[in-house]
Amino acid sequence: MLSGVERAAEQAALLVVVTNELFSDGMDYDPETLAYLDVLARLNRAVARRADRVYEVVCGIPIAWKGANP
């Protein structure tokens, strides 16, 4: 999956990746779902490491974690 994001980034002047917040809903999941969420979380971290800017949007308010005005 990461290689697909990297290929898209190479071809785009601007790439915006939107993902969901993980592990904050307080839900209990079966082991297979937890494994999927873990892979997705690792992908999110890898994309964030490569990104110029990282934002979290909370209640419609952007919070800069990396890049402009962190």
PDB file of N, CA and C in Angstrom:
ATOM      1  N   MET A   1       0.823  -1.190   0.000  1.00  0.00           N
ATOM      2  CA  MET A   1       0.000   0.000   0.000  1.00  0.00           C
ATOM      3  C   MET A   1       0.864   1.249   0.000  1.00  0.00           C
ATOM      4  N   LEU A   2       1.932   1.229   0.789  1.00  0.00           N
ATOM      5  CA  LEU A   2       2.799   2.402   0.869  1.00  0.00           C
ATOM      6  C   LEU A   2       3.434   2.692  -0.480  1.00  0.00           C
ATOM      7  N   SER A   3       3.823   1.662  -1.209  1.00  0.00           N
ATOM      8  CA  SER A   3       4.435   1.893  -2.519  1.00  0.00           C
ATOM      9  C   SER A   3       3.439   2.559  -3.464  1.00  0.00           C
ATOM     10  N   GLY A   4       2.164   2.235  -3.355  1.00  0.00           N
ATOM     11  CA  GLY A   4       1.150   2.894  -4.174  1.00  0.00           C
ATOM     12  C   GLY A   4       1.020   4.364  -3.837  1.00  0.00           C
ATOM     13  N   VAL A   5       1.073   4.697  -2.567  1.00  0.00           N
ATOM     14  CA  VAL A   5       1.024   6.103  -2.143  1.00  0.00           C
ATOM     15  C   VAL A   5       2.270   6.828  -2.641  1.00  0.00           C
ATOM     16  N   GLU A   6       3.427   6.177  -2.545  1.00  0.00           N
ATOM     17  CA  GLU A   6       4.668   6.804  -3.010  1.00  0.00           C
ATOM     18  C   GLU A   6       4.629   7.047  -4.517  1.00  0.00           C
ATOM     19  N   ARG A   7       4.104   6.092  -5.292  1.00  0.00           N
ATOM     20  CA  ARG A   7       3.985   6.285  -6.746  1.00  0.00           C
ATOM     21  C   ARG A   7       3.046   7.447  -7.052  1.00  0.00           C
ATOM     22  N   ALA A   8       1.944   7.535  -6.344  1.00  0.00           N
ATOM     23  CA  ALA A   8       1.015   8.650  -6.554  1.00  0.00           C
ATOM     24  C   ALA A   8       1.689   9.975  -6.221  1.00  0.00           C
ATOM     25  N   ALA A   9       2.476  10.010  -5.155  1.00  0.00           N
ATOM     26  CA  ALA A   9       3.172  11.238  -4.756  1.00  0.00           C
ATOM     27  C   ALA A   9       4.186  11.668  -5.806  1.00  0.00           C
ATOM     28  N   GLU A  10       4.844  10.704  -6.439  1.00  0.00           N
ATOM     29  CA  GLU A  10       5.817  11.026  -7.487  1.00  0.00           C
ATOM     30  C   GLU A  10       5.145  11.651  -8.701  1.00  0.00           C
ATOM     31  N   GLN A  11       3.916  11.294  -8.966  1.00  0.00           N
ATOM     32  CA  GLN A  11       3.223  11.741 -10.170  1.00  0.00           C
ATOM     33  C   GLN A  11       2.361  12.978  -9.946  1.00  0.00           C
ATOM     34  N   ALA A  12       2.121  13.344  -8.709  1.00  0.00           N
ATOM     35  CA  ALA A  12       1.215  14.459  -8.412  1.00  0.00           C
ATOM     36  C   ALA A  12       1.988  15.685  -7.953  1.00  0.00           C
ATOM     37  N   ALA A  13       1.511  16.843  -8.353  1.00  0.00           N
ATOM     38  CA  ALA A  13       2.106  18.080  -7.853  1.00  0.00           C
ATOM     39  C   ALA A  13       1.761  18.265  -6.376  1.00  0.00           C
ATOM     40  N   LEU A  14       0.579  17.836  -5.993  1.00  0.00           N
ATOM     41  CA  LEU A  14       0.125  17.927  -4.607  1.00  0.00           C
ATOM     42  C   LEU A  14      -0.709  16.688  -4.318  1.00  0.00           C
ATOM     43  N   LEU A  15      -0.346  15.966  -3.293  1.00  0.00           N
ATOM     44  CA  LEU A  15      -1.084  14.766  -2.905  1.00  0.00           C
ATOM     45  C   LEU A  15      -1.637  14.963  -1.504  1.00  0.00           C
ATOM     46  N   VAL A  16      -2.936  14.796  -1.358  1.00  0.00           N
ATOM     47  CA  VAL A  16      -3.592  14.893  -0.061  1.00  0.00           C
ATOM     48  C   VAL A  16      -4.092  13.502   0.302  1.00  0.00           C
ATOM     49  N   VAL A  17      -3.665  13.010   1.449  1.00  0.00           N
ATOM     50  CA  VAL A  17      -4.092  11.703   1.943  1.00  0.00           C
ATOM     51  C   VAL A  17      -4.985  11.941   3.152  1.00  0.00           C
ATOM     52  N   VAL A  18      -6.176  11.389   3.116  1.00  0.00           N
ATOM     53  CA  VAL A  18      -7.122  11.525   4.221  1.00  0.00           C
ATOM     54  C   VAL A  18      -7.323  10.145   4.828  1.00  0.00           C
ATOM     55  N   THR A  19      -7.175  10.061   6.129  1.00  0.00           N
ATOM     56  CA  THR A  19      -7.356   8.789   6.820  1.00  0.00           C
ATOM     57  C   THR A  19      -8.150   9.028   8.091  1.00  0.00           C
ATOM     58  N   ASN A  20      -8.517   7.967   8.725  1.00  0.00           N
ATOM     59  CA  ASN A  20      -9.326   8.064   9.930  1.00  0.00           C
ATOM     60  C   ASN A  20      -8.448   7.884  11.163  1.00  0.00           C
ATOM     61  N   GLU A  21      -8.885   8.453  12.269  1.00  0.00           N
ATOM     62  CA  GLU A  21      -8.194   8.249  13.538  1.00  0.00           C
ATOM     63  C   GLU A  21      -8.431   6.807  13.996  1.00  0.00           C
ATOM     64  N   LEU A  22      -7.398   6.184  14.513  1.00  0.00           N
ATOM     65  CA  LEU A  22      -7.486   4.777  14.901  1.00  0.00           C
ATOM     66  C   LEU A  22      -7.327   4.620  16.405  1.00  0.00           C
ATOM     67  N   PHE A  23      -7.942   3.602  16.946  1.00  0.00           N
ATOM     68  CA  PHE A  23      -7.781   3.187  18.342  1.00  0.00           C
ATOM     69  C   PHE A  23      -8.289   4.209  19.355  1.00  0.00           C
ATOM     70  N   SER A  24      -9.128   5.135  18.953  1.00  0.00           N
ATOM     71  CA  SER A  24      -9.609   6.129  19.917  1.00  0.00           C
ATOM     72  C   SER A  24     -11.102   5.999  20.202  1.00  0.00           C
ATOM     73  N   ASP A  25     -11.730   4.980  19.645  1.00  0.00           N
ATOM     74  CA  ASP A  25     -13.175   4.860  19.803  1.00  0.00           C
ATOM     75  C   ASP A  25     -13.593   4.040  21.019  1.00  0.00           C
ATOM     76  N   GLY A  26     -12.623   3.445  21.718  1.00  0.00           N
ATOM     77  CA  GLY A  26     -12.931   2.685  22.913  1.00  0.00           C
ATOM     78  C   GLY A  26     -13.618   1.355  22.662  1.00  0.00           C
ATOM     79  N   MET A  27     -13.607   0.919  21.417  1.00  0.00           N
ATOM     80  CA  MET A  27     -14.269  -0.338  21.059  1.00  0.00           C
ATOM     81  C   MET A  27     -13.324  -1.522  21.277  1.00  0.00           C
ATOM     82  N   ASP A  28     -13.902  -2.678  21.539  1.00  0.00           N
ATOM     83  CA  ASP A  28     -13.150  -3.931  21.588  1.00  0.00           C
ATOM     84  C   ASP A  28     -13.329  -4.631  20.248  1.00  0.00           C
ATOM     85  N   TYR A  29     -12.222  -5.046  19.652  1.00  0.00           N
ATOM     86  CA  TYR A  29     -12.270  -5.693  18.346  1.00  0.00           C
ATOM     87  C   TYR A  29     -11.697  -7.096  18.437  1.00  0.00           C
ATOM     88  N   ASP A  30     -12.116  -7.935  17.491  1.00  0.00           N
ATOM     89  CA  ASP A  30     -11.563  -9.282  17.426  1.00  0.00           C
ATOM     90  C   ASP A  30     -10.118  -9.197  16.931  1.00  0.00           C
ATOM     91  N   PRO A  31      -9.325 -10.249  17.117  1.00  0.00           N
ATOM     92  CA  PRO A  31      -7.901 -10.210  16.757  1.00  0.00           C
ATOM     93  C   PRO A  31      -7.639  -9.877  15.289  1.00  0.00           C
ATOM     94  N   GLU A  32      -8.486 -10.346  14.387  1.00  0.00           N
ATOM     95  CA  GLU A  32      -8.275 -10.061  12.966  1.00  0.00           C
ATOM     96  C   GLU A  32      -8.453  -8.576  12.672  1.00  0.00           C
ATOM     97  N   THR A  33      -9.457  -7.974  13.270  1.00  0.00           N
ATOM     98  CA  THR A  33      -9.679  -6.544  13.075  1.00  0.00           C
ATOM     99  C   THR A  33      -8.554  -5.737  13.704  1.00  0.00           C
ATOM    100  N   LEU A  34      -8.090  -6.142  14.868  1.00  0.00           N
ATOM    101  CA  LEU A  34      -6.955  -5.456  15.503  1.00  0.00           C
ATOM    102  C   LEU A  34      -5.708  -5.544  14.643  1.00  0.00           C
ATOM    103  N   ALA A  35      -5.486  -6.685  14.005  1.00  0.00           N
ATOM    104  CA  ALA A  35      -4.335  -6.833  13.114  1.00  0.00           C
ATOM    105  C   ALA A  35      -4.451  -5.873  11.933  1.00  0.00           C
ATOM    106  N   TYR A  36      -5.645  -5.764  11.355  1.00  0.00           N
ATOM    107  CA  TYR A  36      -5.878  -4.828  10.257  1.00  0.00           C
ATOM    108  C   TYR A  36      -5.630  -3.388  10.710  1.00  0.00           C
ATOM    109  N   LEU A  37      -6.174  -3.015  11.864  1.00  0.00           N
ATOM    110  CA  LEU A  37      -5.983  -1.659  12.380  1.00  0.00           C
ATOM    111  C   LEU A  37      -4.515  -1.365  12.651  1.00  0.00           C
ATOM    112  N   ASP A  38      -3.766  -2.362  13.110  1.00  0.00           N
ATOM    113  CA  ASP A  38      -2.340  -2.183  13.356  1.00  0.00           C
ATOM    114  C   ASP A  38      -1.598  -1.907  12.054  1.00  0.00           C
ATOM    115  N   VAL A  39      -1.925  -2.649  11.002  1.00  0.00           N
ATOM    116  CA  VAL A  39      -1.303  -2.412   9.694  1.00  0.00           C
ATOM    117  C   VAL A  39      -1.651  -1.016   9.198  1.00  0.00           C
ATOM    118  N   LEU A  40      -2.905  -0.627   9.338  1.00  0.00           N
ATOM    119  CA  LEU A  40      -3.327   0.701   8.905  1.00  0.00           C
ATOM    120  C   LEU A  40      -2.627   1.796   9.703  1.00  0.00           C
ATOM    121  N   ALA A  41      -2.445   1.595  10.992  1.00  0.00           N
ATOM    122  CA  ALA A  41      -1.740   2.572  11.826  1.00  0.00           C
ATOM    123  C   ALA A  41      -0.286   2.705  11.392  1.00  0.00           C
ATOM    124  N   ARG A  42       0.362   1.580  11.070  1.00  0.00           N
ATOM    125  CA  ARG A  42       1.750   1.647  10.594  1.00  0.00           C
ATOM    126  C   ARG A  42       1.829   2.368   9.254  1.00  0.00           C
ATOM    127  N   LEU A  43       0.859   2.129   8.385  1.00  0.00           N
ATOM    128  CA  LEU A  43       0.812   2.839   7.107  1.00  0.00           C
ATOM    129  C   LEU A  43       0.628   4.338   7.341  1.00  0.00           C
ATOM    130  N   ASN A  44      -0.272   4.715   8.235  1.00  0.00           N
ATOM    131  CA  ASN A  44      -0.478   6.134   8.548  1.00  0.00           C
ATOM    132  C   ASN A  44       0.815   6.788   9.027  1.00  0.00           C
ATOM    133  N   ARG A  45       1.543   6.113   9.917  1.00  0.00           N
ATOM    134  CA  ARG A  45       2.804   6.673  10.427  1.00  0.00           C
ATOM    135  C   ARG A  45       3.839   6.805   9.318  1.00  0.00           C
ATOM    136  N   ALA A  46       3.916   5.818   8.437  1.00  0.00           N
ATOM    137  CA  ALA A  46       4.881   5.870   7.336  1.00  0.00           C
ATOM    138  C   ALA A  46       4.558   7.019   6.386  1.00  0.00           C
ATOM    139  N   VAL A  47       3.294   7.206   6.074  1.00  0.00           N
ATOM    140  CA  VAL A  47       2.890   8.316   5.207  1.00  0.00           C
ATOM    141  C   VAL A  47       3.193   9.645   5.892  1.00  0.00           C
ATOM    142  N   ALA A  48       2.910   9.759   7.178  1.00  0.00           N
ATOM    143  CA  ALA A  48       3.177  11.001   7.918  1.00  0.00           C
ATOM    144  C   ALA A  48       4.669  11.322   7.951  1.00  0.00           C
ATOM    145  N   ARG A  49       5.519  10.292   8.088  1.00  0.00           N
ATOM    146  CA  ARG A  49       6.970  10.531   8.086  1.00  0.00           C
ATOM    147  C   ARG A  49       7.430  11.133   6.768  1.00  0.00           C
ATOM    148  N   ARG A  50       6.830  10.715   5.673  1.00  0.00           N
ATOM    149  CA  ARG A  50       7.233  11.191   4.352  1.00  0.00           C
ATOM    150  C   ARG A  50       6.563  12.514   3.971  1.00  0.00           C
ATOM    151  N   ALA A  51       5.527  12.893   4.674  1.00  0.00           N
ATOM    152  CA  ALA A  51       4.737  14.083   4.322  1.00  0.00           C
ATOM    153  C   ALA A  51       5.463  15.370   4.692  1.00  0.00           C
ATOM    154  N   ASP A  52       5.204  16.405   3.908  1.00  0.00           N
ATOM    155  CA  ASP A  52       5.706  17.740   4.241  1.00  0.00           C
ATOM    156  C   ASP A  52       4.870  18.367   5.347  1.00  0.00           C
ATOM    157  N   ARG A  53       3.579  18.068   5.332  1.00  0.00           N
ATOM    158  CA  ARG A  53       2.661  18.618   6.326  1.00  0.00           C
ATOM    159  C   ARG A  53       1.723  17.520   6.817  1.00  0.00           C
ATOM    160  N   VAL A  54       1.414  17.570   8.101  1.00  0.00           N
ATOM    161  CA  VAL A  54       0.467  16.626   8.703  1.00  0.00           C
ATOM    162  C   VAL A  54      -0.497  17.429   9.567  1.00  0.00           C
ATOM    163  N   TYR A  55      -1.788  17.213   9.333  1.00  0.00           N
ATOM    164  CA  TYR A  55      -2.826  17.885  10.102  1.00  0.00           C
ATOM    165  C   TYR A  55      -3.778  16.856  10.695  1.00  0.00           C
ATOM    166  N   GLU A  56      -4.293  17.175  11.848  1.00  0.00           N
ATOM    167  CA  GLU A  56      -5.407  16.445  12.441  1.00  0.00           C
ATOM    168  C   GLU A  56      -6.570  17.426  12.487  1.00  0.00           C
ATOM    169  N   VAL A  57      -7.739  16.994  12.051  1.00  0.00           N
ATOM    170  CA  VAL A  57      -8.910  17.863  12.080  1.00  0.00           C
ATOM    171  C   VAL A  57      -9.828  17.379  13.196  1.00  0.00           C
ATOM    172  N   VAL A  58     -10.069  18.261  14.168  1.00  0.00           N
ATOM    173  CA  VAL A  58     -10.910  17.946  15.320  1.00  0.00           C
ATOM    174  C   VAL A  58     -12.088  18.909  15.316  1.00  0.00           C
ATOM    175  N   CYS A  59     -13.275  18.373  15.175  1.00  0.00           N
ATOM    176  CA  CYS A  59     -14.492  19.201  15.144  1.00  0.00           C
ATOM    177  C   CYS A  59     -14.377  20.308  14.100  1.00  0.00           C
ATOM    178  N   GLY A  60     -13.787  19.986  12.954  1.00  0.00           N
ATOM    179  CA  GLY A  60     -13.645  20.945  11.869  1.00  0.00           C
ATOM    180  C   GLY A  60     -12.488  21.909  12.014  1.00  0.00           C
ATOM    181  N   ILE A  61     -11.699  21.787  13.067  1.00  0.00           N
ATOM    182  CA  ILE A  61     -10.572  22.692  13.310  1.00  0.00           C
ATOM    183  C   ILE A  61      -9.274  21.964  12.978  1.00  0.00           C
ATOM    184  N   PRO A  62      -8.504  22.472  11.983  1.00  0.00           N
ATOM    185  CA  PRO A  62      -7.241  21.811  11.639  1.00  0.00           C
ATOM    186  C   PRO A  62      -6.160  22.106  12.680  1.00  0.00           C
ATOM    187  N   ILE A  63      -5.484  21.057  13.102  1.00  0.00           N
ATOM    188  CA  ILE A  63      -4.368  21.171  14.042  1.00  0.00           C
ATOM    189  C   ILE A  63      -3.125  20.685  13.314  1.00  0.00           C
ATOM    190  N   ALA A  64      -2.129  21.563  13.168  1.00  0.00           N
ATOM    191  CA  ALA A  64      -0.902  21.209  12.456  1.00  0.00           C
ATOM    192  C   ALA A  64       0.010  20.403  13.375  1.00  0.00           C
ATOM    193  N   TRP A  65       0.411  19.226  12.926  1.00  0.00           N
ATOM    194  CA  TRP A  65       1.359  18.391  13.662  1.00  0.00           C
ATOM    195  C   TRP A  65       2.744  18.457  13.030  1.00  0.00           C
ATOM    196  N   LYS A  66       2.795  18.767  11.748  1.00  0.00           N
ATOM    197  CA  LYS A  66       4.076  18.805  11.036  1.00  0.00           C
ATOM    198  C   LYS A  66       3.921  19.769   9.868  1.00  0.00           C
ATOM    199  N   GLY A  67       4.946  20.575   9.629  1.00  0.00           N
ATOM    200  CA  GLY A  67       4.907  21.492   8.500  1.00  0.00           C
ATOM    201  C   GLY A  67       4.531  22.886   8.932  1.00  0.00           C
ATOM    202  N   ALA A  68       3.671  23.521   8.152  1.00  0.00           N
ATOM    203  CA  ALA A  68       3.295  24.914   8.400  1.00  0.00           C
ATOM    204  C   ALA A  68       2.614  25.070   9.753  1.00  0.00           C
ATOM    205  N   ASN A  69       3.142  25.946  10.559  1.00  0.00           N
ATOM    206  CA  ASN A  69       2.580  26.298  11.870  1.00  0.00           C
ATOM    207  C   ASN A  69       2.343  25.112  12.801  1.00  0.00           C
ATOM    208  N   PRO A  70       3.334  24.213  12.953  1.00  0.00           N
ATOM    209  CA  PRO A  70       3.084  23.080  13.867  1.00  0.00           C
ATOM    210  C   PRO A  70       3.078  23.509  15.326  1.00  0.00           C
TER     211      PRO A  70
END
